Amino acid sequence: MKISFDLDETLFVNPTEVPIEPELKFPYNKIYKDKLRKGTAELLKEINSSDTELWIYTTSNRSERYIRGIFRHYGVRIDSIVNAIRHEKEVAKGRANFPSKYPAAYRIDLHVDDEKSVYENGIANGFRVYRISNDDTEWADNIRKELARIKRNKAD
């Protein structure tokens, strides 16, 4: 099983709008300036200890090194990363009007994102998206429940 998360406004948030994880210690807080949504580290560590692969699927151009680095400092292992460059090379391939994310291309069972357009593309193209918002205080528990539901359905 695979789950992917978007970064901007999903896991990386504005601390004036959303509660965040404790800041990394110096000097890492100077290298990794992005702030993680509160509850991210615990949820992702749980996913790491389960039989589910943890992916990042983002339209940003952040490097794999940066992405893996910030999560490693929170004790989280990322199994695979699809950034804008990889998405364009492997999925979009220059096609106009192709979705900005297409988790089905990587057999991802659940994608977590804040964008309405990604959610709508999921409906239109047959991939599951949990849409997160700034005021979603139960987001981590809701994702746990959705993962459990998907696992049950796969077992049937």
Protein backbone atom coordinates (compact mmCIF):
# COMPACT_ATOMS: atom_id res chain seq x y z
CA MET A 1 0.00 0.00 0.00
CA LYS A 2 1.17 3.56 -0.74
CA ILE A 3 0.18 6.98 0.58
CA SER A 4 1.48 10.29 -0.72
CA PHE A 5 1.39 13.79 0.71
CA ASP A 6 1.62 17.17 -0.92
CA LEU A 7 3.96 19.65 0.75
CA ASP A 8 2.85 23.29 0.40
CA GLU A 9 -0.18 24.11 2.56
CA THR A 10 -0.58 20.40 3.32
CA LEU A 11 2.45 19.33 5.38
CA PHE A 12 4.42 22.59 5.09
CA VAL A 13 2.17 25.32 6.50
CA ASN A 14 2.11 28.97 7.50
CA PRO A 15 2.59 29.07 11.30
CA THR A 16 0.34 32.13 11.59
CA GLU A 17 -2.56 30.06 10.21
CA VAL A 18 -1.95 26.48 11.38
CA PRO A 19 -0.40 24.93 14.53
CA ILE A 20 3.08 23.55 13.78
CA GLU A 21 5.54 20.95 15.02
CA PRO A 22 8.35 22.20 17.29
CA GLU A 23 11.03 23.98 15.28
CA LEU A 24 14.21 22.08 14.49
CA LYS A 25 17.25 22.90 16.61
CA PHE A 26 20.02 25.19 15.38
CA PRO A 27 21.59 24.96 12.80
CA TYR A 28 18.93 22.83 11.09
CA ASN A 29 16.24 25.48 11.60
CA LYS A 30 18.36 27.76 9.38
CA ILE A 31 18.72 25.12 6.66
CA TYR A 32 15.12 23.84 6.72
CA LYS A 33 12.88 26.88 6.97
CA ASP A 34 9.60 25.11 6.16
CA LYS A 35 7.27 24.51 9.13
CA LEU A 36 5.49 21.17 9.54
CA ARG A 37 1.80 20.95 10.38
CA LYS A 38 1.30 19.78 13.97
CA GLY A 39 0.75 16.02 14.07
CA THR A 40 2.79 15.37 10.93
CA ALA A 41 5.79 13.72 12.61
CA GLU A 42 3.68 11.32 14.68
CA LEU A 43 1.45 10.29 11.76
CA LEU A 44 4.34 9.80 9.34
CA LYS A 45 6.33 7.77 11.88
CA GLU A 46 3.27 5.52 12.32
CA ILE A 47 3.12 5.09 8.55
CA ASN A 48 6.86 4.27 8.53
CA SER A 49 6.29 1.50 11.07
CA SER A 50 3.40 0.01 9.10
CA ASP A 51 3.31 -1.89 5.82
CA THR A 52 2.54 1.33 3.91
CA GLU A 53 5.02 3.17 1.70
CA LEU A 54 5.31 6.88 2.41
CA TRP A 55 5.64 9.17 -0.62
CA ILE A 56 5.81 12.89 -1.18
CA TYR A 57 4.07 14.12 -4.34
CA THR A 58 4.54 17.85 -4.84
CA THR A 59 4.45 20.38 -7.64
CA SER A 60 7.36 22.22 -6.03
CA ASN A 61 10.89 22.11 -7.37
CA ARG A 62 12.42 21.33 -3.98
CA SER A 63 15.19 18.80 -4.28
CA GLU A 64 14.89 15.24 -3.03
CA ARG A 65 17.85 15.97 -0.76
CA TYR A 66 16.05 18.89 0.91
CA ILE A 67 12.78 16.96 1.29
CA ARG A 68 14.42 13.83 2.69
CA GLY A 69 16.61 15.98 4.95
CA ILE A 70 13.84 17.91 6.69
CA PHE A 71 11.81 14.77 7.34
CA ARG A 72 14.87 12.82 8.52
CA HIS A 73 15.41 15.47 11.21
CA TYR A 74 11.87 14.74 12.44
CA GLY A 75 12.61 10.99 12.47
CA VAL A 76 10.63 10.21 9.31
CA ARG A 77 11.77 8.09 6.34
CA ILE A 78 10.38 8.98 2.92
CA ASP A 79 10.20 6.02 0.53
CA SER A 80 9.86 8.00 -2.69
CA ILE A 81 9.48 11.59 -3.90
CA VAL A 82 7.73 12.95 -6.97
CA ASN A 83 8.55 16.62 -7.42
CA ALA A 84 7.64 18.85 -10.38
CA ILE A 85 10.65 17.69 -12.38
CA ARG A 86 9.94 13.97 -11.95
CA HIS A 87 6.19 14.44 -12.59
CA GLU A 88 6.88 16.25 -15.87
CA LYS A 89 9.47 13.70 -16.99
CA GLU A 90 7.59 10.51 -16.07
CA VAL A 91 3.90 11.43 -16.10
CA ALA A 92 2.89 14.67 -17.82
CA LYS A 93 5.49 14.36 -20.61
CA GLY A 94 4.63 17.78 -22.02
CA ARG A 95 0.93 17.07 -22.41
CA ALA A 96 -1.13 20.24 -22.13
CA ASN A 97 -3.92 20.30 -19.56
CA PHE A 98 -2.60 17.17 -17.81
CA PRO A 99 -3.35 17.09 -14.04
CA SER A 100 -0.69 18.68 -11.83
CA LYS A 101 -0.56 15.42 -9.88
CA TYR A 102 -1.50 11.94 -11.01
CA PRO A 103 -0.90 9.47 -8.14
CA ALA A 104 -2.42 6.61 -10.11
CA ALA A 105 0.69 6.60 -12.32
CA TYR A 106 2.64 5.39 -9.28
CA ARG A 107 -0.08 3.09 -7.91
CA ILE A 108 -0.56 5.35 -4.89
CA ASP A 109 -3.64 4.28 -2.93
CA LEU A 110 -4.30 7.62 -1.18
CA HIS A 111 -3.00 11.12 -1.84
CA VAL A 112 -3.33 13.93 0.74
CA ASP A 113 -3.54 17.47 -0.63
CA ASP A 114 -5.05 20.88 0.10
CA GLU A 115 -5.88 21.79 -3.51
CA LYS A 116 -9.48 21.59 -4.66
CA SER A 117 -8.29 20.98 -8.24
CA VAL A 118 -6.29 17.91 -7.16
CA TYR A 119 -9.35 16.57 -5.32
CA GLU A 120 -11.51 17.16 -8.42
CA ASN A 121 -8.89 15.50 -10.65
CA GLY A 122 -9.01 12.51 -8.32
CA ILE A 123 -12.75 12.20 -8.83
CA ALA A 124 -12.45 12.67 -12.59
CA ASN A 125 -9.48 10.32 -13.01
CA GLY A 126 -10.23 7.64 -10.43
CA PHE A 127 -7.65 8.19 -7.71
CA ARG A 128 -8.34 8.76 -3.99
CA VAL A 129 -7.59 12.16 -2.48
CA TYR A 130 -8.08 13.26 1.10
CA ARG A 131 -8.44 17.04 0.97
CA ILE A 132 -6.97 18.79 3.99
CA SER A 133 -7.74 22.34 5.12
CA ASN A 134 -6.24 24.75 7.64
CA ASP A 135 -9.13 24.23 10.05
CA ASP A 136 -9.07 20.41 9.81
CA THR A 137 -8.05 19.61 13.40
CA GLU A 138 -8.84 15.90 12.98
CA TRP A 139 -6.81 15.48 9.79
CA ALA A 140 -4.35 12.88 11.12
CA ASP A 141 -7.09 10.69 12.64
CA ASN A 142 -9.16 11.01 9.47
CA ILE A 143 -6.20 9.83 7.39
CA ARG A 144 -5.63 6.90 9.77
CA LYS A 145 -9.30 5.93 9.34
CA GLU A 146 -9.13 6.27 5.56
CA LEU A 147 -5.98 4.12 5.39
CA ALA A 148 -7.66 1.45 7.54
CA ARG A 149 -10.74 1.55 5.28
CA ILE A 150 -8.62 1.17 2.13
CA LYS A 151 -6.68 -1.74 3.68
CA ARG A 152 -9.96 -3.49 4.62
CA ASN A 153 -11.29 -3.03 1.08
CA LYS A 154 -8.08 -4.39 -0.44
CA ALA A 155 -8.28 -7.45 1.84
CA ASP A 156 -11.83 -8.24 0.69
